[in-house]
N, C-alpha and C. Protein backbone atom coordinates (compact mmCIF):
# COMPACT_ATOMS: atom_id res chain seq x y z
N UNK A 1 7.18 -8.04 28.00
CA UNK A 1 8.02 -8.13 26.84
C UNK A 1 7.28 -7.46 25.66
N UNK A 2 7.94 -6.54 25.02
CA UNK A 2 7.30 -5.84 23.90
C UNK A 2 7.75 -6.48 22.59
N UNK A 3 6.87 -6.36 21.60
CA UNK A 3 7.21 -6.86 20.28
C UNK A 3 7.51 -5.69 19.36
N UNK A 4 8.45 -5.91 18.45
CA UNK A 4 8.85 -4.86 17.51
C UNK A 4 7.80 -4.79 16.40
N UNK A 5 7.36 -3.60 16.11
CA UNK A 5 6.39 -3.39 15.05
C UNK A 5 7.07 -3.50 13.68
N UNK A 6 6.46 -4.26 12.78
CA UNK A 6 7.03 -4.43 11.45
C UNK A 6 6.75 -3.19 10.60
N UNK A 7 7.73 -2.85 9.81
CA UNK A 7 7.56 -1.77 8.84
C UNK A 7 7.84 -2.31 7.44
N UNK A 8 7.10 -1.81 6.47
CA UNK A 8 7.22 -2.28 5.12
C UNK A 8 7.54 -1.11 4.20
N UNK A 9 8.35 -1.37 3.21
CA UNK A 9 8.74 -0.31 2.27
C UNK A 9 7.57 0.01 1.33
N UNK A 10 7.66 1.19 0.73
CA UNK A 10 6.64 1.62 -0.22
C UNK A 10 6.62 0.66 -1.42
N UNK A 11 7.80 0.20 -1.82
CA UNK A 11 7.89 -0.74 -2.96
C UNK A 11 7.16 -2.05 -2.65
N UNK A 12 7.35 -2.55 -1.44
CA UNK A 12 6.70 -3.79 -1.05
C UNK A 12 5.19 -3.62 -1.02
N UNK A 13 4.74 -2.50 -0.41
CA UNK A 13 3.31 -2.23 -0.33
C UNK A 13 2.69 -2.11 -1.73
N UNK A 14 3.36 -1.40 -2.61
CA UNK A 14 2.81 -1.21 -3.96
C UNK A 14 2.77 -2.53 -4.74
N UNK A 15 3.75 -3.38 -4.52
CA UNK A 15 3.78 -4.69 -5.17
C UNK A 15 2.55 -5.49 -4.74
N UNK A 16 2.26 -5.51 -3.45
CA UNK A 16 1.12 -6.26 -2.95
C UNK A 16 -0.20 -5.66 -3.42
N UNK A 17 -0.29 -4.34 -3.42
CA UNK A 17 -1.53 -3.69 -3.87
C UNK A 17 -1.78 -4.00 -5.35
N UNK A 18 -0.74 -4.01 -6.15
CA UNK A 18 -0.91 -4.35 -7.57
C UNK A 18 -1.39 -5.81 -7.71
N UNK A 19 -0.90 -6.69 -6.88
CA UNK A 19 -1.38 -8.08 -6.93
C UNK A 19 -2.85 -8.16 -6.57
N UNK A 20 -3.28 -7.36 -5.59
CA UNK A 20 -4.70 -7.34 -5.20
C UNK A 20 -5.55 -6.81 -6.36
N UNK A 21 -5.07 -5.75 -7.00
CA UNK A 21 -5.83 -5.14 -8.09
C UNK A 21 -5.92 -6.06 -9.31
N UNK A 22 -4.93 -6.91 -9.50
CA UNK A 22 -4.99 -7.88 -10.60
C UNK A 22 -6.08 -8.91 -10.36
N UNK A 23 -6.45 -9.11 -9.10
CA UNK A 23 -7.56 -9.97 -8.68
C UNK A 23 -7.41 -11.44 -9.08
N UNK A 24 -6.17 -11.93 -9.19
CA UNK A 24 -5.96 -13.36 -9.44
C UNK A 24 -6.10 -14.13 -8.13
N UNK A 25 -5.85 -13.47 -7.02
CA UNK A 25 -5.94 -14.07 -5.69
C UNK A 25 -6.75 -13.15 -4.78
N UNK A 26 -7.27 -13.70 -3.69
CA UNK A 26 -8.00 -12.89 -2.72
C UNK A 26 -7.00 -12.13 -1.83
N UNK A 27 -7.50 -11.13 -1.14
CA UNK A 27 -6.67 -10.36 -0.21
C UNK A 27 -6.11 -11.30 0.85
N UNK A 28 -6.92 -12.20 1.34
CA UNK A 28 -6.47 -13.13 2.38
C UNK A 28 -5.34 -14.05 1.87
N UNK A 29 -5.44 -14.49 0.64
CA UNK A 29 -4.41 -15.36 0.07
C UNK A 29 -3.09 -14.61 -0.06
N UNK A 30 -3.16 -13.37 -0.58
CA UNK A 30 -1.95 -12.57 -0.75
C UNK A 30 -1.33 -12.24 0.60
N UNK A 31 -2.16 -11.83 1.55
CA UNK A 31 -1.67 -11.49 2.89
C UNK A 31 -0.97 -12.70 3.53
N UNK A 32 -1.56 -13.86 3.40
CA UNK A 32 -0.98 -15.07 3.96
C UNK A 32 0.34 -15.41 3.27
N UNK A 33 0.39 -15.26 1.96
CA UNK A 33 1.59 -15.57 1.21
C UNK A 33 2.77 -14.71 1.63
N UNK A 34 2.53 -13.43 1.92
CA UNK A 34 3.61 -12.50 2.27
C UNK A 34 3.74 -12.24 3.77
N UNK A 35 2.89 -12.84 4.57
CA UNK A 35 3.00 -12.71 6.03
C UNK A 35 2.59 -11.35 6.56
N UNK A 36 1.58 -10.74 5.94
CA UNK A 36 1.05 -9.48 6.43
C UNK A 36 -0.41 -9.67 6.84
N UNK A 37 -0.92 -8.74 7.60
CA UNK A 37 -2.31 -8.83 8.02
C UNK A 37 -3.21 -8.39 6.88
N UNK A 38 -4.33 -9.08 6.67
CA UNK A 38 -5.28 -8.67 5.62
C UNK A 38 -5.78 -7.24 5.80
N UNK A 39 -5.96 -6.81 7.03
CA UNK A 39 -6.44 -5.46 7.27
C UNK A 39 -5.41 -4.42 6.81
N UNK A 40 -4.13 -4.75 6.98
CA UNK A 40 -3.07 -3.85 6.49
C UNK A 40 -3.13 -3.74 4.99
N UNK A 41 -3.32 -4.87 4.33
CA UNK A 41 -3.37 -4.89 2.87
C UNK A 41 -4.61 -4.09 2.36
N UNK A 42 -5.71 -4.22 3.06
CA UNK A 42 -6.91 -3.47 2.70
C UNK A 42 -6.66 -1.96 2.87
N UNK A 43 -5.98 -1.59 3.93
CA UNK A 43 -5.67 -0.18 4.18
C UNK A 43 -4.72 0.37 3.11
N UNK A 44 -3.74 -0.41 2.72
CA UNK A 44 -2.79 0.01 1.68
C UNK A 44 -3.50 0.22 0.34
N UNK A 45 -4.42 -0.70 0.05
CA UNK A 45 -5.19 -0.59 -1.19
C UNK A 45 -6.06 0.67 -1.16
N UNK A 46 -6.70 0.91 -0.04
CA UNK A 46 -7.55 2.11 0.08
C UNK A 46 -6.71 3.38 -0.08
N UNK A 47 -5.56 3.42 0.58
CA UNK A 47 -4.67 4.57 0.49
C UNK A 47 -4.19 4.78 -0.93
N UNK A 48 -3.85 3.69 -1.60
CA UNK A 48 -3.41 3.78 -2.99
C UNK A 48 -4.50 4.36 -3.90
N UNK A 49 -5.71 3.82 -3.76
CA UNK A 49 -6.80 4.28 -4.61
C UNK A 49 -7.17 5.74 -4.35
N UNK A 50 -7.03 6.18 -3.12
CA UNK A 50 -7.34 7.58 -2.76
C UNK A 50 -6.29 8.53 -3.32
N UNK A 51 -5.07 8.06 -3.52
CA UNK A 51 -3.98 8.93 -3.93
C UNK A 51 -3.41 8.65 -5.31
N UNK A 52 -4.03 7.78 -6.07
CA UNK A 52 -3.47 7.40 -7.35
C UNK A 52 -3.43 8.56 -8.33
N UNK A 53 -4.30 9.55 -8.19
CA UNK A 53 -4.29 10.68 -9.11
C UNK A 53 -3.01 11.51 -8.98
N UNK A 54 -2.34 11.42 -7.84
CA UNK A 54 -1.10 12.16 -7.64
C UNK A 54 -0.01 11.74 -8.62
N UNK A 55 -0.11 10.52 -9.11
CA UNK A 55 0.90 10.04 -10.06
C UNK A 55 0.87 10.80 -11.38
N UNK A 56 -0.26 11.43 -11.68
CA UNK A 56 -0.42 12.11 -12.95
C UNK A 56 -0.42 13.62 -12.82
N UNK A 57 -0.39 14.13 -11.60
CA UNK A 57 -0.42 15.58 -11.37
C UNK A 57 0.84 15.99 -10.63
N UNK A 58 1.88 16.29 -11.38
CA UNK A 58 3.18 16.59 -10.79
C UNK A 58 3.17 17.84 -9.93
N UNK A 59 2.39 18.84 -10.27
CA UNK A 59 2.37 20.07 -9.49
C UNK A 59 1.82 19.82 -8.09
N UNK A 60 0.82 18.96 -7.98
CA UNK A 60 0.26 18.63 -6.67
C UNK A 60 1.25 17.87 -5.83
N UNK A 61 1.99 16.95 -6.45
CA UNK A 61 2.98 16.18 -5.71
C UNK A 61 4.05 17.12 -5.14
N UNK A 62 4.49 18.04 -5.91
CA UNK A 62 5.52 19.00 -5.44
C UNK A 62 4.97 19.83 -4.28
N UNK A 63 3.73 20.29 -4.39
CA UNK A 63 3.13 21.07 -3.30
C UNK A 63 2.99 20.22 -2.05
N UNK A 64 2.52 18.99 -2.17
CA UNK A 64 2.35 18.09 -1.03
C UNK A 64 3.70 17.82 -0.37
N UNK A 65 4.73 17.60 -1.18
CA UNK A 65 6.07 17.31 -0.66
C UNK A 65 6.63 18.53 0.05
N UNK A 66 6.41 19.71 -0.49
CA UNK A 66 6.92 20.95 0.09
C UNK A 66 6.28 21.24 1.44
N UNK A 67 5.00 20.83 1.62
CA UNK A 67 4.30 21.06 2.87
C UNK A 67 4.75 20.11 3.96
N UNK A 68 5.26 18.97 3.60
CA UNK A 68 5.64 17.96 4.59
C UNK A 68 6.92 18.29 5.29
């Protein structure tokens, strides 16, 4: 019997990452509250921090989108 893999929207991921960055709760507490794995939350945070400069550089975003 196979299990269906959960998928999360970008809005949901960003909401959780912002909660982590506010640092009012630990990653484990937030992950438990929303029913996600802590490792997933850590990966989303890492991905966000690596790509946050794209929010301020519109030309790069357009180039990245055009390549995809």
